């Protein structure tokens, strides 16, 4: 298991419009913001860009799932990393 790491990852730096040009796919869903953030940080530390969908669900934690999204070309790498380091 990994520990949370404070990492800033900005998709916009150095590449204008990169978010619009990427096709994102879900690799995991989580019920808590904390779990989603830990997984997001671990993926980013591995050099796999990712973002969270439904991250700002307000008081609906546990009702709406937070999807962890990665670029489609990184899905296989992300799936392999998560299979090795994270169990559902």
N, C-alpha and C. Protein backbone atom coordinates (compact mmCIF):
# COMPACT_ATOMS: atom_id res chain seq x y z
N UNK A 1 0.84 -1.18 0.00
CA UNK A 1 0.00 0.00 0.00
C UNK A 1 0.88 1.24 0.00
N UNK A 2 0.44 2.30 -0.60
CA UNK A 2 1.23 3.52 -0.64
C UNK A 2 0.69 4.53 0.35
N UNK A 3 1.52 5.51 0.60
CA UNK A 3 1.11 6.60 1.48
C UNK A 3 0.82 7.81 0.63
N UNK A 4 -0.09 8.68 1.07
CA UNK A 4 -0.40 9.89 0.32
C UNK A 4 0.85 10.75 0.14
N UNK A 5 0.96 11.30 -1.04
CA UNK A 5 2.09 12.17 -1.35
C UNK A 5 1.54 13.48 -1.85
N UNK A 6 2.11 14.57 -1.40
CA UNK A 6 1.67 15.90 -1.87
C UNK A 6 2.32 16.17 -3.21
N UNK A 7 1.55 16.03 -4.27
CA UNK A 7 2.06 16.25 -5.62
C UNK A 7 1.10 17.19 -6.34
N UNK A 8 1.66 18.16 -7.00
CA UNK A 8 0.87 19.05 -7.84
C UNK A 8 1.05 18.59 -9.28
N UNK A 9 -0.02 18.38 -9.99
CA UNK A 9 0.07 17.98 -11.39
C UNK A 9 -0.85 18.89 -12.17
N UNK A 10 -0.28 19.70 -13.04
CA UNK A 10 -1.05 20.68 -13.79
C UNK A 10 -1.00 20.32 -15.27
N UNK A 11 -2.12 19.88 -15.81
CA UNK A 11 -2.19 19.49 -17.21
C UNK A 11 -1.94 20.67 -18.15
N UNK A 12 -2.19 21.87 -17.68
CA UNK A 12 -2.12 23.04 -18.54
C UNK A 12 -0.71 23.55 -18.79
N UNK A 13 0.22 23.32 -17.88
CA UNK A 13 1.56 23.88 -18.00
C UNK A 13 2.26 23.32 -19.23
N UNK A 14 2.73 24.22 -20.06
CA UNK A 14 3.56 23.84 -21.20
C UNK A 14 2.82 23.22 -22.36
N UNK A 15 1.53 23.05 -22.27
CA UNK A 15 0.82 22.44 -23.40
C UNK A 15 -0.62 22.92 -23.40
N UNK A 16 -0.84 23.99 -24.09
CA UNK A 16 -2.18 24.58 -24.15
C UNK A 16 -3.17 23.61 -24.77
N UNK A 17 -4.31 23.46 -24.12
CA UNK A 17 -5.39 22.65 -24.66
C UNK A 17 -5.20 21.15 -24.50
N UNK A 18 -4.25 20.70 -23.72
CA UNK A 18 -3.98 19.26 -23.62
C UNK A 18 -5.19 18.49 -23.08
N UNK A 19 -5.93 19.06 -22.15
CA UNK A 19 -7.10 18.37 -21.60
C UNK A 19 -8.15 18.14 -22.68
N UNK A 20 -8.34 19.12 -23.57
CA UNK A 20 -9.35 18.97 -24.60
C UNK A 20 -8.93 17.95 -25.65
N UNK A 21 -7.62 17.77 -25.83
CA UNK A 21 -7.12 16.87 -26.86
C UNK A 21 -7.05 15.42 -26.40
N UNK A 22 -7.21 15.15 -25.12
CA UNK A 22 -7.09 13.79 -24.59
C UNK A 22 -8.45 13.13 -24.49
N UNK A 23 -8.46 11.84 -24.79
CA UNK A 23 -9.64 11.02 -24.61
C UNK A 23 -9.46 10.27 -23.30
N UNK A 24 -10.24 10.62 -22.26
CA UNK A 24 -10.09 10.03 -20.95
C UNK A 24 -11.04 8.86 -20.75
N UNK A 25 -10.56 7.84 -20.04
CA UNK A 25 -11.37 6.67 -19.70
C UNK A 25 -11.23 6.39 -18.21
N UNK A 26 -12.24 5.79 -17.62
CA UNK A 26 -12.22 5.48 -16.19
C UNK A 26 -11.42 4.20 -15.94
N UNK A 27 -10.57 4.24 -14.89
CA UNK A 27 -9.84 3.04 -14.48
C UNK A 27 -10.29 2.54 -13.11
N UNK A 28 -10.95 3.38 -12.34
CA UNK A 28 -11.46 3.00 -11.01
C UNK A 28 -12.60 3.93 -10.64
N UNK A 29 -13.43 3.48 -9.74
CA UNK A 29 -14.40 4.35 -9.09
C UNK A 29 -14.22 4.19 -7.59
N UNK A 30 -14.43 5.27 -6.87
CA UNK A 30 -14.28 5.28 -5.41
C UNK A 30 -15.50 5.95 -4.80
N UNK A 31 -15.79 5.60 -3.57
CA UNK A 31 -16.89 6.23 -2.86
C UNK A 31 -16.43 7.39 -1.99
N UNK A 32 -15.11 7.50 -1.76
CA UNK A 32 -14.63 8.59 -0.92
C UNK A 32 -13.59 9.43 -1.65
N UNK A 33 -13.62 10.71 -1.35
CA UNK A 33 -12.66 11.64 -1.94
C UNK A 33 -11.24 11.28 -1.51
N UNK A 34 -11.07 10.85 -0.27
CA UNK A 34 -9.74 10.51 0.24
C UNK A 34 -9.12 9.37 -0.55
N UNK A 35 -9.88 8.29 -0.76
CA UNK A 35 -9.36 7.15 -1.52
C UNK A 35 -9.02 7.55 -2.95
N UNK A 36 -9.91 8.32 -3.57
CA UNK A 36 -9.68 8.76 -4.95
C UNK A 36 -8.41 9.60 -5.05
N UNK A 37 -8.19 10.47 -4.08
CA UNK A 37 -7.00 11.33 -4.08
C UNK A 37 -5.73 10.52 -3.88
N UNK A 38 -5.76 9.53 -3.02
CA UNK A 38 -4.59 8.67 -2.81
C UNK A 38 -4.23 7.95 -4.11
N UNK A 39 -5.23 7.40 -4.79
CA UNK A 39 -4.98 6.70 -6.05
C UNK A 39 -4.50 7.67 -7.12
N UNK A 40 -5.12 8.84 -7.19
CA UNK A 40 -4.70 9.86 -8.15
C UNK A 40 -3.23 10.22 -7.93
N UNK A 41 -2.83 10.47 -6.69
CA UNK A 41 -1.44 10.82 -6.38
C UNK A 41 -0.49 9.70 -6.77
N UNK A 42 -0.87 8.45 -6.49
CA UNK A 42 0.00 7.32 -6.83
C UNK A 42 0.19 7.20 -8.34
N UNK A 43 -0.89 7.35 -9.09
CA UNK A 43 -0.80 7.29 -10.55
C UNK A 43 0.08 8.42 -11.09
N UNK A 44 -0.12 9.61 -10.58
CA UNK A 44 0.66 10.74 -11.03
C UNK A 44 2.13 10.57 -10.69
N UNK A 45 2.41 9.99 -9.54
CA UNK A 45 3.80 9.74 -9.14
C UNK A 45 4.46 8.75 -10.10
N UNK A 46 3.66 7.87 -10.69
CA UNK A 46 4.16 6.91 -11.68
C UNK A 46 4.26 7.53 -13.08
N UNK A 47 3.90 8.80 -13.20
CA UNK A 47 3.96 9.48 -14.49
C UNK A 47 2.73 9.27 -15.35
N UNK A 48 1.64 8.82 -14.74
CA UNK A 48 0.39 8.59 -15.46
C UNK A 48 -0.54 9.76 -15.16
N UNK A 49 -0.81 10.62 -16.14
CA UNK A 49 -1.72 11.74 -15.90
C UNK A 49 -3.11 11.22 -15.54
N UNK A 50 -3.76 11.87 -14.61
CA UNK A 50 -5.14 11.48 -14.30
C UNK A 50 -5.88 12.65 -13.68
N UNK A 51 -7.18 12.53 -13.70
CA UNK A 51 -8.05 13.53 -13.11
C UNK A 51 -9.22 12.82 -12.47
N UNK A 52 -9.94 13.53 -11.63
CA UNK A 52 -11.10 12.95 -10.94
C UNK A 52 -12.38 13.54 -11.50
N UNK A 53 -13.38 12.69 -11.69
CA UNK A 53 -14.70 13.10 -12.15
C UNK A 53 -15.67 12.92 -10.99
N UNK A 54 -16.56 13.87 -10.79
CA UNK A 54 -17.49 13.89 -9.66
C UNK A 54 -16.77 14.17 -8.35
N UNK A 55 -15.61 14.80 -8.44
CA UNK A 55 -14.80 15.08 -7.25
C UNK A 55 -15.48 16.10 -6.33
N UNK A 56 -16.28 16.98 -6.88
CA UNK A 56 -16.92 18.04 -6.09
C UNK A 56 -18.39 17.73 -5.87
N UNK A 57 -18.64 16.62 -5.21
CA UNK A 57 -20.02 16.19 -5.01
C UNK A 57 -20.64 16.71 -3.72
N UNK A 58 -19.95 17.61 -3.06
CA UNK A 58 -20.51 18.24 -1.86
C UNK A 58 -20.82 17.24 -0.78
N UNK A 59 -22.02 17.28 -0.26
CA UNK A 59 -22.42 16.42 0.84
C UNK A 59 -22.88 15.05 0.39
N UNK A 60 -22.70 14.71 -0.86
CA UNK A 60 -23.18 13.44 -1.37
C UNK A 60 -22.13 12.34 -1.31
N UNK A 61 -21.10 12.51 -0.50
CA UNK A 61 -20.07 11.50 -0.38
C UNK A 61 -20.70 10.16 -0.03
N UNK A 62 -20.30 9.15 -0.76
CA UNK A 62 -20.86 7.82 -0.55
C UNK A 62 -22.09 7.55 -1.39
N UNK A 63 -22.65 8.58 -2.00
CA UNK A 63 -23.82 8.41 -2.86
C UNK A 63 -23.39 8.39 -4.33
N UNK A 64 -22.59 9.37 -4.71
CA UNK A 64 -22.07 9.42 -6.08
C UNK A 64 -20.66 8.89 -6.09
N UNK A 65 -20.35 8.07 -7.06
CA UNK A 65 -19.00 7.54 -7.17
C UNK A 65 -18.08 8.57 -7.83
N UNK A 66 -16.84 8.60 -7.39
CA UNK A 66 -15.82 9.45 -8.00
C UNK A 66 -15.05 8.57 -8.96
N UNK A 67 -15.02 8.96 -10.23
CA UNK A 67 -14.30 8.19 -11.23
C UNK A 67 -12.88 8.73 -11.38
N UNK A 68 -11.93 7.83 -11.46
CA UNK A 68 -10.54 8.18 -11.72
C UNK A 68 -10.32 7.98 -13.21
N UNK A 69 -9.97 9.08 -13.89
CA UNK A 69 -9.85 9.06 -15.35
C UNK A 69 -8.39 9.22 -15.76
N UNK A 70 -7.98 8.46 -16.77
CA UNK A 70 -6.65 8.57 -17.34
C UNK A 70 -6.81 8.68 -18.86
N UNK A 71 -5.79 9.22 -19.55
CA UNK A 71 -5.85 9.23 -21.01
C UNK A 71 -5.97 7.79 -21.53
N UNK A 72 -6.76 7.60 -22.58
CA UNK A 72 -7.01 6.24 -23.09
C UNK A 72 -5.72 5.51 -23.42
N UNK A 73 -4.70 6.22 -23.90
CA UNK A 73 -3.44 5.55 -24.25
C UNK A 73 -2.65 5.12 -23.01
N UNK A 74 -3.06 5.56 -21.83
CA UNK A 74 -2.39 5.18 -20.58
C UNK A 74 -3.21 4.17 -19.76
N UNK A 75 -4.38 3.77 -20.29
CA UNK A 75 -5.27 2.89 -19.53
C UNK A 75 -4.61 1.56 -19.16
N UNK A 76 -3.97 0.91 -20.10
CA UNK A 76 -3.35 -0.39 -19.82
C UNK A 76 -2.27 -0.25 -18.74
N UNK A 77 -1.45 0.80 -18.85
CA UNK A 77 -0.40 1.04 -17.85
C UNK A 77 -1.01 1.30 -16.47
N UNK A 78 -2.07 2.11 -16.44
CA UNK A 78 -2.74 2.41 -15.18
C UNK A 78 -3.39 1.16 -14.58
N UNK A 79 -4.06 0.37 -15.41
CA UNK A 79 -4.68 -0.87 -14.94
C UNK A 79 -3.65 -1.81 -14.33
N UNK A 80 -2.50 -1.93 -15.00
CA UNK A 80 -1.45 -2.82 -14.51
C UNK A 80 -0.90 -2.30 -13.17
N UNK A 81 -0.66 -1.01 -13.08
CA UNK A 81 -0.15 -0.43 -11.84
C UNK A 81 -1.15 -0.66 -10.70
N UNK A 82 -2.41 -0.39 -10.96
CA UNK A 82 -3.43 -0.54 -9.91
C UNK A 82 -3.61 -2.00 -9.51
N UNK A 83 -3.51 -2.91 -10.46
CA UNK A 83 -3.62 -4.34 -10.14
C UNK A 83 -2.49 -4.79 -9.23
N UNK A 84 -1.30 -4.21 -9.42
CA UNK A 84 -0.14 -4.58 -8.60
C UNK A 84 -0.15 -3.92 -7.23
N UNK A 85 -0.73 -2.70 -7.13
CA UNK A 85 -0.56 -1.92 -5.91
C UNK A 85 -1.85 -1.54 -5.19
N UNK A 86 -2.98 -1.88 -5.73
CA UNK A 86 -4.23 -1.45 -5.09
C UNK A 86 -5.28 -2.52 -5.26
N UNK A 87 -5.85 -2.97 -4.17
CA UNK A 87 -6.95 -3.93 -4.26
C UNK A 87 -8.25 -3.21 -3.95
N UNK A 88 -9.31 -3.62 -4.60
CA UNK A 88 -10.63 -3.00 -4.38
C UNK A 88 -11.19 -3.39 -3.04
